[in-house]
């Protein structure tokens, strides 16, 4: 079990920021999804045939898997920042303040895809994907400012080694 830092809790993103992240990320996902799907339809007759003959359920599952993959790749490649988080100034970190590992991003996004109502569960205290992966979405600017102040205070009176 990780040590929970109060500084992380003090600087969690607001519900408005989290909702903004969700809407921006959903829009950016659909842009990428339809562009990629359009390109596949143009260059791949097999994909075109599959789309024409697949059931609605399989198309929905493909959409969910695509969304999980998109969110996972965005967060893991950028170190916890999706397009929505870049715009709103937020970031995913562990509850102990450390940087999440690939496995943490994987758990976050699998839970988001399996438990479909979880995508809006952050309107409560924490989203299930945050709780189960031991991550939090924080306001970067405020978090980093407080970390710097605490570091400077701890450095007062310390001997400098030349």
C-alpha atoms as a PDB file:
ATOM      1  CA  UNK A   1       0.000   0.000   0.000  1.00  0.00           C
ATOM      2  CA  UNK A   2       1.335   3.404  -0.971  1.00  0.00           C
ATOM      3  CA  UNK A   3       1.815   6.262   1.439  1.00  0.00           C
ATOM      4  CA  UNK A   4      -0.864   8.856   0.773  1.00  0.00           C
ATOM      5  CA  UNK A   5       0.466  12.411   0.642  1.00  0.00           C
ATOM      6  CA  UNK A   6      -1.780  15.239   1.794  1.00  0.00           C
ATOM      7  CA  UNK A   7      -0.183  17.600  -0.759  1.00  0.00           C
ATOM      8  CA  UNK A   8      -1.591  15.390  -3.529  1.00  0.00           C
ATOM      9  CA  UNK A   9      -5.056  15.558  -2.000  1.00  0.00           C
ATOM     10  CA  UNK A  10      -4.809  19.330  -1.491  1.00  0.00           C
ATOM     11  CA  UNK A  11      -4.222  19.953  -5.189  1.00  0.00           C
ATOM     12  CA  UNK A  12      -6.628  17.553  -6.852  1.00  0.00           C
ATOM     13  CA  UNK A  13      -8.198  18.831 -10.024  1.00  0.00           C
ATOM     14  CA  UNK A  14     -11.656  20.317  -9.637  1.00  0.00           C
ATOM     15  CA  UNK A  15     -14.740  18.514 -10.889  1.00  0.00           C
ATOM     16  CA  UNK A  16     -14.984  21.194 -13.590  1.00  0.00           C
ATOM     17  CA  UNK A  17     -11.431  20.489 -14.747  1.00  0.00           C
ATOM     18  CA  UNK A  18     -12.107  16.751 -14.721  1.00  0.00           C
ATOM     19  CA  UNK A  19     -15.291  17.222 -16.747  1.00  0.00           C
ATOM     20  CA  UNK A  20     -13.393  19.485 -19.149  1.00  0.00           C
ATOM     21  CA  UNK A  21     -10.713  16.807 -19.502  1.00  0.00           C
ATOM     22  CA  UNK A  22     -13.371  14.224 -20.302  1.00  0.00           C
ATOM     23  CA  UNK A  23     -15.130  16.357 -22.941  1.00  0.00           C
ATOM     24  CA  UNK A  24     -11.876  17.504 -24.612  1.00  0.00           C
ATOM     25  CA  UNK A  25     -10.463  13.972 -24.610  1.00  0.00           C
ATOM     26  CA  UNK A  26     -13.690  12.536 -25.991  1.00  0.00           C
ATOM     27  CA  UNK A  27     -13.728  15.080 -28.825  1.00  0.00           C
ATOM     28  CA  UNK A  28     -10.046  14.476 -29.615  1.00  0.00           C
ATOM     29  CA  UNK A  29     -10.639  10.698 -29.530  1.00  0.00           C
ATOM     30  CA  UNK A  30     -13.505  10.957 -32.017  1.00  0.00           C
ATOM     31  CA  UNK A  31     -11.444  13.136 -34.330  1.00  0.00           C
ATOM     32  CA  UNK A  32      -8.604  10.589 -34.345  1.00  0.00           C
ATOM     33  CA  UNK A  33     -11.011   7.625 -34.495  1.00  0.00           C
ATOM     34  CA  UNK A  34     -12.945   8.889 -37.509  1.00  0.00           C
ATOM     35  CA  UNK A  35      -9.827  10.082 -39.327  1.00  0.00           C
ATOM     36  CA  UNK A  36      -8.115   6.721 -38.805  1.00  0.00           C
ATOM     37  CA  UNK A  37     -11.310   4.823 -39.681  1.00  0.00           C
ATOM     38  CA  UNK A  38     -11.797   6.942 -42.803  1.00  0.00           C
ATOM     39  CA  UNK A  39      -8.269   6.252 -43.966  1.00  0.00           C
ATOM     40  CA  UNK A  40      -8.768   2.508 -43.353  1.00  0.00           C
ATOM     41  CA  UNK A  41     -12.024   2.551 -45.298  1.00  0.00           C
ATOM     42  CA  UNK A  42     -10.278   4.207 -48.243  1.00  0.00           C
ATOM     43  CA  UNK A  43      -7.173   2.002 -48.360  1.00  0.00           C
ATOM     44  CA  UNK A  44      -8.487  -1.347 -47.088  1.00  0.00           C
ATOM     45  CA  UNK A  45     -11.326  -3.183 -48.824  1.00  0.00           C
ATOM     46  CA  UNK A  46     -11.198  -5.846 -46.063  1.00  0.00           C
ATOM     47  CA  UNK A  47     -11.895  -3.230 -43.367  1.00  0.00           C
ATOM     48  CA  UNK A  48     -14.719  -1.793 -45.471  1.00  0.00           C
ATOM     49  CA  UNK A  49     -16.211  -5.303 -45.798  1.00  0.00           C
ATOM     50  CA  UNK A  50     -15.866  -5.924 -42.048  1.00  0.00           C
ATOM     51  CA  UNK A  51     -17.613  -2.646 -41.150  1.00  0.00           C
ATOM     52  CA  UNK A  52     -20.451  -3.368 -43.598  1.00  0.00           C
ATOM     53  CA  UNK A  53     -21.049  -6.877 -42.268  1.00  0.00           C
ATOM     54  CA  UNK A  54     -20.311  -6.523 -38.539  1.00  0.00           C
ATOM     55  CA  UNK A  55     -22.984  -6.359 -35.880  1.00  0.00           C
ATOM     56  CA  UNK A  56     -23.742  -3.260 -33.873  1.00  0.00           C
ATOM     57  CA  UNK A  57     -22.356  -4.983 -30.770  1.00  0.00           C
ATOM     58  CA  UNK A  58     -18.993  -5.705 -32.394  1.00  0.00           C
ATOM     59  CA  UNK A  59     -18.782  -2.104 -33.627  1.00  0.00           C
ATOM     60  CA  UNK A  60     -19.486  -0.828 -30.107  1.00  0.00           C
ATOM     61  CA  UNK A  61     -16.850  -3.148 -28.650  1.00  0.00           C
ATOM     62  CA  UNK A  62     -14.384  -1.894 -31.249  1.00  0.00           C
ATOM     63  CA  UNK A  63     -15.199   1.676 -30.215  1.00  0.00           C
ATOM     64  CA  UNK A  64     -14.688   0.891 -26.506  1.00  0.00           C
ATOM     65  CA  UNK A  65     -11.391  -0.908 -27.158  1.00  0.00           C
ATOM     66  CA  UNK A  66     -10.263   1.988 -29.324  1.00  0.00           C
ATOM     67  CA  UNK A  67     -11.125   4.508 -26.592  1.00  0.00           C
ATOM     68  CA  UNK A  68      -9.266   2.485 -23.935  1.00  0.00           C
ATOM     69  CA  UNK A  69      -6.233   2.210 -26.228  1.00  0.00           C
ATOM     70  CA  UNK A  70      -6.306   5.905 -27.109  1.00  0.00           C
ATOM     71  CA  UNK A  71      -6.474   7.035 -23.466  1.00  0.00           C
ATOM     72  CA  UNK A  72      -3.816   4.530 -22.395  1.00  0.00           C
ATOM     73  CA  UNK A  73      -1.419   5.599 -25.149  1.00  0.00           C
ATOM     74  CA  UNK A  74      -1.969   9.312 -24.519  1.00  0.00           C
ATOM     75  CA  UNK A  75      -1.387   9.036 -20.771  1.00  0.00           C
ATOM     76  CA  UNK A  76       1.536   6.613 -20.939  1.00  0.00           C
ATOM     77  CA  UNK A  77       3.400   8.425 -23.733  1.00  0.00           C
ATOM     78  CA  UNK A  78       2.984  11.895 -22.201  1.00  0.00           C
ATOM     79  CA  UNK A  79       3.601  10.872 -18.590  1.00  0.00           C
ATOM     80  CA  UNK A  80       0.046  11.331 -17.355  1.00  0.00           C
ATOM     81  CA  UNK A  81      -1.266  14.051 -19.628  1.00  0.00           C
ATOM     82  CA  UNK A  82      -3.922  13.713 -22.281  1.00  0.00           C
ATOM     83  CA  UNK A  83      -4.949  16.516 -24.615  1.00  0.00           C
ATOM     84  CA  UNK A  84      -7.631  17.545 -22.118  1.00  0.00           C
ATOM     85  CA  UNK A  85      -5.151  17.528 -19.259  1.00  0.00           C
ATOM     86  CA  UNK A  86      -2.674  19.578 -21.291  1.00  0.00           C
ATOM     87  CA  UNK A  87      -5.337  22.215 -21.923  1.00  0.00           C
ATOM     88  CA  UNK A  88      -6.653  22.328 -18.339  1.00  0.00           C
ATOM     89  CA  UNK A  89      -3.217  22.206 -16.654  1.00  0.00           C
ATOM     90  CA  UNK A  90      -3.755  18.884 -14.909  1.00  0.00           C
ATOM     91  CA  UNK A  91      -1.791  15.644 -14.694  1.00  0.00           C
ATOM     92  CA  UNK A  92      -2.069  12.093 -13.349  1.00  0.00           C
ATOM     93  CA  UNK A  93       0.242  11.215 -10.457  1.00  0.00           C
ATOM     94  CA  UNK A  94       0.348   8.459  -7.858  1.00  0.00           C
ATOM     95  CA  UNK A  95      -1.145   9.103  -4.412  1.00  0.00           C
ATOM     96  CA  UNK A  96       2.400   9.203  -3.005  1.00  0.00           C
ATOM     97  CA  UNK A  97       3.415  11.909  -5.495  1.00  0.00           C
ATOM     98  CA  UNK A  98       5.473   9.633  -7.725  1.00  0.00           C
ATOM     99  CA  UNK A  99       5.115   9.224 -11.470  1.00  0.00           C
ATOM    100  CA  UNK A 100       2.739   6.431 -12.526  1.00  0.00           C
ATOM    101  CA  UNK A 101       4.162   3.414 -14.295  1.00  0.00           C
ATOM    102  CA  UNK A 102       2.743   1.820 -17.442  1.00  0.00           C
ATOM    103  CA  UNK A 103       0.811  -0.700 -15.312  1.00  0.00           C
ATOM    104  CA  UNK A 104      -0.958   2.107 -13.429  1.00  0.00           C
ATOM    105  CA  UNK A 105      -2.034   3.731 -16.691  1.00  0.00           C
ATOM    106  CA  UNK A 106      -3.175   0.318 -17.943  1.00  0.00           C
ATOM    107  CA  UNK A 107      -5.332  -0.297 -14.834  1.00  0.00           C
ATOM    108  CA  UNK A 108      -6.820   3.238 -15.034  1.00  0.00           C
ATOM    109  CA  UNK A 109      -7.894   2.779 -18.607  1.00  0.00           C
ATOM    110  CA  UNK A 110      -9.084  -0.821 -18.410  1.00  0.00           C
ATOM    111  CA  UNK A 111     -11.373   0.159 -15.533  1.00  0.00           C
ATOM    112  CA  UNK A 112     -12.614   3.127 -17.569  1.00  0.00           C
ATOM    113  CA  UNK A 113     -13.543   0.761 -20.402  1.00  0.00           C
ATOM    114  CA  UNK A 114     -14.979  -2.124 -18.385  1.00  0.00           C
ATOM    115  CA  UNK A 115     -17.067  -0.029 -16.013  1.00  0.00           C
ATOM    116  CA  UNK A 116     -18.663   2.320 -18.518  1.00  0.00           C
ATOM    117  CA  UNK A 117     -20.288   4.575 -15.901  1.00  0.00           C
ATOM    118  CA  UNK A 118     -16.825   5.156 -14.405  1.00  0.00           C
ATOM    119  CA  UNK A 119     -16.077   7.744 -17.058  1.00  0.00           C
ATOM    120  CA  UNK A 120     -18.218  10.175 -15.078  1.00  0.00           C
ATOM    121  CA  UNK A 121     -17.564   8.758 -11.579  1.00  0.00           C
ATOM    122  CA  UNK A 122     -15.106  11.567 -10.833  1.00  0.00           C
ATOM    123  CA  UNK A 123     -18.152  13.710  -9.999  1.00  0.00           C
ATOM    124  CA  UNK A 124     -18.001  11.853  -6.680  1.00  0.00           C
ATOM    125  CA  UNK A 125     -14.909  11.962  -4.454  1.00  0.00           C
ATOM    126  CA  UNK A 126     -12.637  10.016  -6.842  1.00  0.00           C
ATOM    127  CA  UNK A 127     -13.245   8.033  -9.975  1.00  0.00           C
ATOM    128  CA  UNK A 128     -13.049   4.264  -9.648  1.00  0.00           C
ATOM    129  CA  UNK A 129     -10.175   4.338 -12.124  1.00  0.00           C
ATOM    130  CA  UNK A 130      -8.332   6.703  -9.744  1.00  0.00           C
ATOM    131  CA  UNK A 131      -9.055   4.701  -6.600  1.00  0.00           C
ATOM    132  CA  UNK A 132      -8.180   1.280  -7.990  1.00  0.00           C
ATOM    133  CA  UNK A 133      -4.977   2.445  -9.688  1.00  0.00           C
ATOM    134  CA  UNK A 134      -3.954   4.617  -6.678  1.00  0.00           C
ATOM    135  CA  UNK A 135      -3.678   7.691  -8.897  1.00  0.00           C
ATOM    136  CA  UNK A 136      -5.031  11.214  -8.703  1.00  0.00           C
ATOM    137  CA  UNK A 137      -5.472  13.991 -11.235  1.00  0.00           C
ATOM    138  CA  UNK A 138      -3.893  17.148  -9.859  1.00  0.00           C
ATOM    139  CA  UNK A 139      -3.584  20.811 -10.777  1.00  0.00           C
ATOM    140  CA  UNK A 140       0.104  20.889 -11.779  1.00  0.00           C
ATOM    141  CA  UNK A 141       0.795  24.573 -11.175  1.00  0.00           C
ATOM    142  CA  UNK A 142      -0.526  24.598  -7.594  1.00  0.00           C
ATOM    143  CA  UNK A 143       1.041  21.233  -6.737  1.00  0.00           C
ATOM    144  CA  UNK A 144       4.494  22.195  -8.030  1.00  0.00           C
ATOM    145  CA  UNK A 145       4.335  25.580  -6.267  1.00  0.00           C
ATOM    146  CA  UNK A 146       3.618  23.987  -2.898  1.00  0.00           C
ATOM    147  CA  UNK A 147       6.326  21.353  -3.434  1.00  0.00           C
ATOM    148  CA  UNK A 148       8.847  24.105  -4.182  1.00  0.00           C
ATOM    149  CA  UNK A 149       7.872  26.125  -1.097  1.00  0.00           C
ATOM    150  CA  UNK A 150       8.174  23.050   1.126  1.00  0.00           C
ATOM    151  CA  UNK A 151      11.567  22.253  -0.390  1.00  0.00           C
ATOM    152  CA  UNK A 152      12.793  25.795   0.224  1.00  0.00           C
ATOM    153  CA  UNK A 153      11.537  25.748   3.815  1.00  0.00           C
ATOM    154  CA  UNK A 154      13.283  22.421   4.458  1.00  0.00           C
ATOM    155  CA  UNK A 155      16.473  23.875   2.986  1.00  0.00           C
ATOM    156  CA  UNK A 156      16.574  26.779   5.448  1.00  0.00           C
ATOM    157  CA  UNK A 157      19.431  26.296   7.864  1.00  0.00           C
ATOM    158  CA  UNK A 158      20.952  23.387   5.963  1.00  0.00           C
ATOM    159  CA  UNK A 159      24.669  23.624   5.456  1.00  0.00           C
ATOM    160  CA  UNK A 160      25.811  24.168   1.940  1.00  0.00           C
ATOM    161  CA  UNK A 161      28.637  21.892   0.920  1.00  0.00           C
ATOM    162  CA  UNK A 162      31.055  23.591  -1.410  1.00  0.00           C
END
